[in-house]
Amino acid sequence: MRISLLRLLFQSYTVSENLCPKNSSGKKLTSKAGPIIRCECGFKILLVPDLKAMARAIEAHAAEHAKKEKIPAKAAFEDARIQLLLTAQVLDRAATS
């Protein structure tokens, strides 16, 4: 069960990364305030050097996605999936800058 869950999470990240505007247009995702990461729903999170603040912002947004699910197992999966998606973008941006 755990391996299939990790595989599904990885596949969802790979699909969303391929659809990411940064990859398709070649432009960096930035705003006037600084670099951003973007959720698949379009929500933008400003990248800040404070890792605790970034983690809180990601967790809060993932919780919003989880609230939309009525089944607790699906809500937990959605929360983890969104956290993984956004955390992967943060690490990718940190590695390229």
C-alpha atoms as a PDB file:
ATOM      1  CA  MET A   1       0.000   0.000   0.000  1.00  0.00           C
ATOM      2  CA  ARG A   2       2.745   2.465   0.956  1.00  0.00           C
ATOM      3  CA  ILE A   3       4.736   1.890  -2.236  1.00  0.00           C
ATOM      4  CA  SER A   4       1.685   2.405  -4.428  1.00  0.00           C
ATOM      5  CA  LEU A   5       0.850   5.625  -2.544  1.00  0.00           C
ATOM      6  CA  LEU A   6       4.379   6.959  -3.073  1.00  0.00           C
ATOM      7  CA  ARG A   7       4.262   5.966  -6.747  1.00  0.00           C
ATOM      8  CA  LEU A   8       0.943   7.786  -7.171  1.00  0.00           C
ATOM      9  CA  LEU A   9       2.319  10.882  -5.442  1.00  0.00           C
ATOM     10  CA  PHE A  10       5.398  10.851  -7.661  1.00  0.00           C
ATOM     11  CA  GLN A  11       3.272  10.425 -10.797  1.00  0.00           C
ATOM     12  CA  SER A  12       1.012  13.331  -9.812  1.00  0.00           C
ATOM     13  CA  TYR A  13       4.080  15.542  -9.270  1.00  0.00           C
ATOM     14  CA  THR A  14       5.553  14.511 -12.634  1.00  0.00           C
ATOM     15  CA  VAL A  15       2.311  15.281 -14.475  1.00  0.00           C
ATOM     16  CA  SER A  16       1.866  18.640 -12.771  1.00  0.00           C
ATOM     17  CA  GLU A  17       5.511  19.581 -13.357  1.00  0.00           C
ATOM     18  CA  ASN A  18       5.087  18.888 -17.069  1.00  0.00           C
ATOM     19  CA  LEU A  19       2.053  21.187 -17.127  1.00  0.00           C
ATOM     20  CA  CYS A  20       3.779  23.912 -15.113  1.00  0.00           C
ATOM     21  CA  PRO A  21       3.947  27.238 -16.972  1.00  0.00           C
ATOM     22  CA  LYS A  22       7.634  27.542 -16.091  1.00  0.00           C
ATOM     23  CA  ASN A  23       8.384  24.388 -18.073  1.00  0.00           C
ATOM     24  CA  SER A  24       6.165  25.041 -21.071  1.00  0.00           C
ATOM     25  CA  SER A  25       7.085  28.686 -21.690  1.00  0.00           C
ATOM     26  CA  GLY A  26      10.604  28.681 -20.300  1.00  0.00           C
ATOM     27  CA  LYS A  27       9.860  31.769 -18.188  1.00  0.00           C
ATOM     28  CA  LYS A  28      10.575  31.929 -14.483  1.00  0.00           C
ATOM     29  CA  LEU A  29       7.647  32.239 -12.141  1.00  0.00           C
ATOM     30  CA  THR A  30       8.286  35.512 -10.335  1.00  0.00           C
ATOM     31  CA  SER A  31       6.277  38.437  -9.092  1.00  0.00           C
ATOM     32  CA  LYS A  32       7.238  41.993  -8.224  1.00  0.00           C
ATOM     33  CA  ALA A  33       7.713  40.838  -4.634  1.00  0.00           C
ATOM     34  CA  GLY A  34      10.017  37.955  -5.599  1.00  0.00           C
ATOM     35  CA  PRO A  35       9.994  34.326  -6.749  1.00  0.00           C
ATOM     36  CA  ILE A  36       6.823  32.311  -6.304  1.00  0.00           C
ATOM     37  CA  ILE A  37       5.606  28.742  -6.472  1.00  0.00           C
ATOM     38  CA  ARG A  38       2.219  27.954  -7.936  1.00  0.00           C
ATOM     39  CA  CYS A  39      -0.263  25.284  -6.931  1.00  0.00           C
ATOM     40  CA  GLU A  40      -2.173  23.390  -9.596  1.00  0.00           C
ATOM     41  CA  CYS A  41      -5.283  25.356  -8.543  1.00  0.00           C
ATOM     42  CA  GLY A  42      -3.519  28.618  -9.421  1.00  0.00           C
ATOM     43  CA  PHE A  43      -2.782  29.744  -5.851  1.00  0.00           C
ATOM     44  CA  LYS A  44       0.597  31.484  -5.580  1.00  0.00           C
ATOM     45  CA  ILE A  45       2.946  31.310  -2.603  1.00  0.00           C
ATOM     46  CA  LEU A  46       5.833  33.734  -2.298  1.00  0.00           C
ATOM     47  CA  LEU A  47       9.188  32.065  -1.661  1.00  0.00           C
ATOM     48  CA  VAL A  48      10.801  33.396   1.502  1.00  0.00           C
ATOM     49  CA  PRO A  49      14.086  32.420   3.151  1.00  0.00           C
ATOM     50  CA  ASP A  50      12.317  31.421   6.387  1.00  0.00           C
ATOM     51  CA  LEU A  51      11.712  27.674   5.997  1.00  0.00           C
ATOM     52  CA  LYS A  52       9.269  27.519   8.902  1.00  0.00           C
ATOM     53  CA  ALA A  53       7.131  30.212   7.302  1.00  0.00           C
ATOM     54  CA  MET A  54       7.228  28.398   3.945  1.00  0.00           C
ATOM     55  CA  ALA A  55       6.220  25.141   5.626  1.00  0.00           C
ATOM     56  CA  ARG A  56       3.301  26.850   7.397  1.00  0.00           C
ATOM     57  CA  ALA A  57       2.109  28.430   4.135  1.00  0.00           C
ATOM     58  CA  ILE A  58       2.295  25.105   2.303  1.00  0.00           C
ATOM     59  CA  GLU A  59       0.544  23.223   5.114  1.00  0.00           C
ATOM     60  CA  ALA A  60      -2.216  25.838   5.299  1.00  0.00           C
ATOM     61  CA  HIS A  61      -2.851  25.686   1.568  1.00  0.00           C
ATOM     62  CA  ALA A  62      -2.793  21.880   1.543  1.00  0.00           C
ATOM     63  CA  ALA A  63      -5.335  21.908   4.369  1.00  0.00           C
ATOM     64  CA  GLU A  64      -7.636  24.053   2.198  1.00  0.00           C
ATOM     65  CA  HIS A  65      -7.465  21.397  -0.514  1.00  0.00           C
ATOM     66  CA  ALA A  66      -8.160  18.663   2.048  1.00  0.00           C
ATOM     67  CA  LYS A  67     -11.269  20.471   3.332  1.00  0.00           C
ATOM     68  CA  LYS A  68     -12.877  20.041  -0.093  1.00  0.00           C
ATOM     69  CA  GLU A  69     -12.836  16.245   0.260  1.00  0.00           C
ATOM     70  CA  LYS A  70     -15.647  14.569   2.204  1.00  0.00           C
ATOM     71  CA  ILE A  71     -13.973  11.196   2.724  1.00  0.00           C
ATOM     72  CA  PRO A  72     -11.235  11.401   5.395  1.00  0.00           C
ATOM     73  CA  ALA A  73      -8.852   9.090   3.528  1.00  0.00           C
ATOM     74  CA  LYS A  74      -9.144  11.186   0.364  1.00  0.00           C
ATOM     75  CA  ALA A  75      -8.660  14.362   2.393  1.00  0.00           C
ATOM     76  CA  ALA A  76      -5.448  13.008   3.931  1.00  0.00           C
ATOM     77  CA  PHE A  77      -4.191  11.910   0.513  1.00  0.00           C
ATOM     78  CA  GLU A  78      -4.987  15.290  -1.049  1.00  0.00           C
ATOM     79  CA  ASP A  79      -3.250  17.100   1.812  1.00  0.00           C
ATOM     80  CA  ALA A  80      -0.104  14.989   1.384  1.00  0.00           C
ATOM     81  CA  ARG A  81      -0.191  15.288  -2.406  1.00  0.00           C
ATOM     82  CA  ILE A  82      -0.406  19.084  -2.390  1.00  0.00           C
ATOM     83  CA  GLN A  83       2.299  19.349   0.270  1.00  0.00           C
ATOM     84  CA  LEU A  84       4.575  17.142  -1.819  1.00  0.00           C
ATOM     85  CA  LEU A  85       3.854  19.113  -4.989  1.00  0.00           C
ATOM     86  CA  LEU A  86       4.607  22.477  -3.402  1.00  0.00           C
ATOM     87  CA  THR A  87       7.616  21.255  -1.414  1.00  0.00           C
ATOM     88  CA  ALA A  88       9.121  19.787  -4.569  1.00  0.00           C
ATOM     89  CA  GLN A  89       8.731  23.165  -6.289  1.00  0.00           C
ATOM     90  CA  VAL A  90      10.440  24.920  -3.362  1.00  0.00           C
ATOM     91  CA  LEU A  91      13.369  22.500  -3.490  1.00  0.00           C
ATOM     92  CA  ASP A  92      13.581  22.806  -7.277  1.00  0.00           C
ATOM     93  CA  ARG A  93      13.662  26.606  -7.080  1.00  0.00           C
ATOM     94  CA  ALA A  94      16.276  26.482  -4.298  1.00  0.00           C
ATOM     95  CA  ALA A  95      18.465  24.161  -6.352  1.00  0.00           C
ATOM     96  CA  THR A  96      18.325  26.373  -9.450  1.00  0.00           C
ATOM     97  CA  SER A  97      18.977  29.695  -7.738  1.00  0.00           C
END
